[in-house]
C-alpha atoms as a PDB file:
ATOM      1  CA  MET A   1     128.510  59.049  91.885  1.00  0.00           C
ATOM      2  CA  ILE A   2     127.216  59.453  88.639  1.00  0.00           C
ATOM      3  CA  GLY A   3     128.890  61.047  85.525  1.00  0.00           C
ATOM      4  CA  ARG A   4     127.807  62.389  82.527  1.00  0.00           C
ATOM      5  CA  LEU A   5     125.123  61.199  80.516  1.00  0.00           C
ATOM      6  CA  ASN A   6     126.789  58.680  77.955  1.00  0.00           C
ATOM      7  CA  HIS A   7     123.832  57.930  75.660  1.00  0.00           C
ATOM      8  CA  VAL A   8     120.122  57.765  75.334  1.00  0.00           C
ATOM      9  CA  ALA A   9     118.754  54.309  74.007  1.00  0.00           C
ATOM     10  CA  ILE A  10     115.879  53.834  71.335  1.00  0.00           C
ATOM     11  CA  ALA A  11     114.696  50.759  70.688  1.00  0.00           C
ATOM     12  CA  VAL A  12     113.463  50.209  67.070  1.00  0.00           C
ATOM     13  CA  PRO A  13     111.910  48.145  64.971  1.00  0.00           C
ATOM     14  CA  ASP A  14     114.430  48.333  61.704  1.00  0.00           C
ATOM     15  CA  LEU A  15     117.735  49.299  62.450  1.00  0.00           C
ATOM     16  CA  ALA A  16     118.744  50.456  59.127  1.00  0.00           C
ATOM     17  CA  LYS A  17     115.629  52.887  58.227  1.00  0.00           C
ATOM     18  CA  ALA A  18     115.947  54.420  61.572  1.00  0.00           C
ATOM     19  CA  ALA A  19     119.963  54.976  60.808  1.00  0.00           C
ATOM     20  CA  GLU A  20     119.081  56.603  57.859  1.00  0.00           C
ATOM     21  CA  GLN A  21     116.825  58.752  59.217  1.00  0.00           C
ATOM     22  CA  TYR A  22     119.418  60.004  61.682  1.00  0.00           C
ATOM     23  CA  ARG A  23     122.078  60.259  58.829  1.00  0.00           C
ATOM     24  CA  ALA A  24     120.185  61.743  55.977  1.00  0.00           C
ATOM     25  CA  THR A  25     116.908  63.693  57.582  1.00  0.00           C
ATOM     26  CA  LEU A  26     119.017  64.846  60.682  1.00  0.00           C
ATOM     27  CA  GLY A  27     122.644  64.910  58.783  1.00  0.00           C
ATOM     28  CA  ALA A  28     124.206  62.928  61.863  1.00  0.00           C
ATOM     29  CA  LYS A  29     127.403  60.733  62.171  1.00  0.00           C
ATOM     30  CA  VAL A  30     126.314  57.246  62.485  1.00  0.00           C
ATOM     31  CA  SER A  31     128.225  54.251  63.122  1.00  0.00           C
ATOM     32  CA  ALA A  32     128.152  50.960  61.525  1.00  0.00           C
ATOM     33  CA  PRO A  33     126.031  48.136  62.827  1.00  0.00           C
ATOM     34  CA  GLN A  34     127.510  46.453  65.733  1.00  0.00           C
ATOM     35  CA  PRO A  35     126.101  43.133  67.103  1.00  0.00           C
ATOM     36  CA  LEU A  36     126.135  42.142  70.615  1.00  0.00           C
ATOM     37  CA  PRO A  37     125.272  39.135  71.122  1.00  0.00           C
ATOM     38  CA  ASP A  38     126.109  38.637  75.310  1.00  0.00           C
ATOM     39  CA  HIS A  39     123.829  41.281  75.102  1.00  0.00           C
ATOM     40  CA  GLY A  40     121.019  39.905  72.509  1.00  0.00           C
ATOM     41  CA  VAL A  41     121.004  43.098  70.159  1.00  0.00           C
ATOM     42  CA  THR A  42     122.729  45.019  67.798  1.00  0.00           C
ATOM     43  CA  VAL A  43     123.547  48.439  68.147  1.00  0.00           C
ATOM     44  CA  VAL A  44     124.205  51.841  65.904  1.00  0.00           C
ATOM     45  CA  PHE A  45     125.531  55.349  67.598  1.00  0.00           C
ATOM     46  CA  VAL A  46     124.470  57.948  66.703  1.00  0.00           C
ATOM     47  CA  GLU A  47     127.157  60.454  67.612  1.00  0.00           C
ATOM     48  CA  LEU A  48     126.476  64.267  68.870  1.00  0.00           C
ATOM     49  CA  ALA A  49     128.531  66.766  70.160  1.00  0.00           C
ATOM     50  CA  ASN A  50     127.595  66.382  74.195  1.00  0.00           C
ATOM     51  CA  THR A  51     126.288  62.816  74.002  1.00  0.00           C
ATOM     52  CA  LYS A  52     125.514  60.012  71.804  1.00  0.00           C
ATOM     53  CA  ILE A  53     121.851  58.189  70.855  1.00  0.00           C
ATOM     54  CA  GLU A  54     122.184  54.236  70.553  1.00  0.00           C
ATOM     55  CA  LEU A  55     119.463  52.862  68.266  1.00  0.00           C
ATOM     56  CA  LEU A  56     118.822  48.939  69.511  1.00  0.00           C
ATOM     57  CA  HIS A  57     117.500  46.533  67.714  1.00  0.00           C
ATOM     58  CA  PRO A  58     116.961  42.760  68.705  1.00  0.00           C
ATOM     59  CA  LEU A  59     119.360  40.282  67.862  1.00  0.00           C
ATOM     60  CA  GLY A  60     117.576  37.030  67.737  1.00  0.00           C
ATOM     61  CA  ALA A  61     114.596  35.833  69.410  1.00  0.00           C
ATOM     62  CA  ALA A  62     115.368  35.447  72.390  1.00  0.00           C
ATOM     63  CA  SER A  63     116.474  39.120  72.746  1.00  0.00           C
ATOM     64  CA  PRO A  64     115.990  40.751  75.926  1.00  0.00           C
ATOM     65  CA  ILE A  65     114.554  43.707  74.265  1.00  0.00           C
ATOM     66  CA  ALA A  66     111.721  41.218  72.577  1.00  0.00           C
ATOM     67  CA  GLY A  67     109.644  41.895  75.845  1.00  0.00           C
ATOM     68  CA  PHE A  68     109.696  45.747  75.338  1.00  0.00           C
ATOM     69  CA  PHE A  69     108.755  45.347  71.724  1.00  0.00           C
ATOM     70  CA  GLU A  70     105.551  43.514  72.686  1.00  0.00           C
ATOM     71  CA  LYS A  71     104.705  46.123  74.508  1.00  0.00           C
ATOM     72  CA  ASN A  72     106.204  49.264  72.178  1.00  0.00           C
ATOM     73  CA  ALA A  73     105.558  47.611  68.571  1.00  0.00           C
ATOM     74  CA  SER A  74     106.846  50.875  67.118  1.00  0.00           C
ATOM     75  CA  GLY A  75     109.950  51.195  69.577  1.00  0.00           C
ATOM     76  CA  GLY A  76     110.928  54.116  71.688  1.00  0.00           C
ATOM     77  CA  ILE A  77     113.112  54.872  74.441  1.00  0.00           C
ATOM     78  CA  HIS A  78     114.583  51.842  75.915  1.00  0.00           C
ATOM     79  CA  HIS A  79     117.217  53.024  78.620  1.00  0.00           C
ATOM     80  CA  VAL A  80     119.417  55.967  79.349  1.00  0.00           C
ATOM     81  CA  CYS A  81     123.386  55.194  80.342  1.00  0.00           C
ATOM     82  CA  TYR A  82     125.384  57.352  83.017  1.00  0.00           C
ATOM     83  CA  GLU A  83     129.234  57.383  83.256  1.00  0.00           C
ATOM     84  CA  VAL A  84     130.728  56.165  86.816  1.00  0.00           C
ATOM     85  CA  ALA A  85     134.407  56.139  87.597  1.00  0.00           C
ATOM     86  CA  ASP A  86     134.296  52.681  89.604  1.00  0.00           C
ATOM     87  CA  ILE A  87     131.345  50.284  88.429  1.00  0.00           C
ATOM     88  CA  ARG A  88     131.648  47.712  91.189  1.00  0.00           C
ATOM     89  CA  ALA A  89     131.896  50.796  93.648  1.00  0.00           C
ATOM     90  CA  ALA A  90     128.540  52.267  92.296  1.00  0.00           C
ATOM     91  CA  ARG A  91     127.119  48.978  92.425  1.00  0.00           C
ATOM     92  CA  ASP A  92     128.060  48.273  96.057  1.00  0.00           C
ATOM     93  CA  ARG A  93     126.788  51.455  96.911  1.00  0.00           C
ATOM     94  CA  LEU A  94     123.142  50.923  95.220  1.00  0.00           C
ATOM     95  CA  GLN A  95     122.770  47.704  96.490  1.00  0.00           C
ATOM     96  CA  ARG A  96     123.362  49.122 100.224  1.00  0.00           C
ATOM     97  CA  ALA A  97     120.771  51.639  99.282  1.00  0.00           C
ATOM     98  CA  GLY A  98     118.235  49.190  97.909  1.00  0.00           C
ATOM     99  CA  ALA A  99     118.613  49.311  94.125  1.00  0.00           C
ATOM    100  CA  ARG A 100     118.483  46.017  92.404  1.00  0.00           C
ATOM    101  CA  VAL A 101     120.956  45.517  89.771  1.00  0.00           C
ATOM    102  CA  LEU A 102     119.676  43.390  87.186  1.00  0.00           C
ATOM    103  CA  GLY A 103     121.272  40.205  86.012  1.00  0.00           C
ATOM    104  CA  ASP A 104     123.645  38.180  88.161  1.00  0.00           C
ATOM    105  CA  GLY A 105     125.147  41.624  89.413  1.00  0.00           C
ATOM    106  CA  GLU A 106     128.351  41.368  87.974  1.00  0.00           C
ATOM    107  CA  PRO A 107     129.701  43.960  85.082  1.00  0.00           C
ATOM    108  CA  LYS A 108     129.435  42.987  81.366  1.00  0.00           C
ATOM    109  CA  THR A 109     131.391  44.495  78.445  1.00  0.00           C
ATOM    110  CA  GLY A 110     129.294  46.936  76.673  1.00  0.00           C
ATOM    111  CA  ALA A 111     129.272  47.991  73.058  1.00  0.00           C
ATOM    112  CA  HIS A 112     131.978  50.603  73.829  1.00  0.00           C
ATOM    113  CA  GLY A 113     134.228  47.545  75.598  1.00  0.00           C
ATOM    114  CA  LYS A 114     133.634  48.819  78.781  1.00  0.00           C
ATOM    115  CA  PRO A 115     131.816  47.396  81.829  1.00  0.00           C
ATOM    116  CA  VAL A 116     128.279  47.586  82.005  1.00  0.00           C
ATOM    117  CA  LEU A 117     125.655  47.189  84.925  1.00  0.00           C
ATOM    118  CA  PHE A 118     121.797  47.714  84.263  1.00  0.00           C
ATOM    119  CA  LEU A 119     119.413  48.633  87.401  1.00  0.00           C
ATOM    120  CA  HIS A 120     116.205  48.009  88.070  1.00  0.00           C
ATOM    121  CA  PRO A 121     113.322  50.202  86.172  1.00  0.00           C
ATOM    122  CA  LYS A 122     110.946  50.147  89.151  1.00  0.00           C
ATOM    123  CA  ASP A 123     113.618  51.715  91.361  1.00  0.00           C
ATOM    124  CA  PHE A 124     113.798  54.688  89.321  1.00  0.00           C
ATOM    125  CA  SER A 125     110.739  56.061  88.260  1.00  0.00           C
ATOM    126  CA  GLY A 126     110.528  53.414  85.917  1.00  0.00           C
ATOM    127  CA  ALA A 127     113.474  54.041  83.822  1.00  0.00           C
ATOM    128  CA  LEU A 128     115.791  51.658  82.884  1.00  0.00           C
ATOM    129  CA  ILE A 129     119.315  52.544  84.046  1.00  0.00           C
ATOM    130  CA  GLU A 130     122.657  51.428  82.606  1.00  0.00           C
ATOM    131  CA  LEU A 131     126.082  52.294  84.117  1.00  0.00           C
ATOM    132  CA  GLU A 132     129.411  52.064  82.178  1.00  0.00           C
ATOM    133  CA  GLN A 133     132.585  52.442  83.831  1.00  0.00           C
ATOM    134  CA  VAL A 134     134.647  55.305  82.095  1.00  0.00           C
END
């Protein structure tokens, strides 16, 4: 069901500083910041040959990643994103298997303009999983 790894997301307390570290220190191609009000974050993508790194920063005090920073003030790995061909079919299959989909269960538009869903970390060994339809 899942396809390739789309990205690994890292929550960062200072988006500009983190983006510059990847750009200057690691020599990576880094996108411009992209606010995602529906998700409560601003993101930057670090382009790699085989995948991407998504740097996440809270967009406002009500950001869903605010709780993450309460436990991890210096940031850290937030989630991994896998590609799926049909997000609704993947959701239905996962729910039949007992996995919990976060939110209302309906896909939302993600940073790449494609439908995404998040799966409860307690169902996946403590890892927050994002699925993105490609």
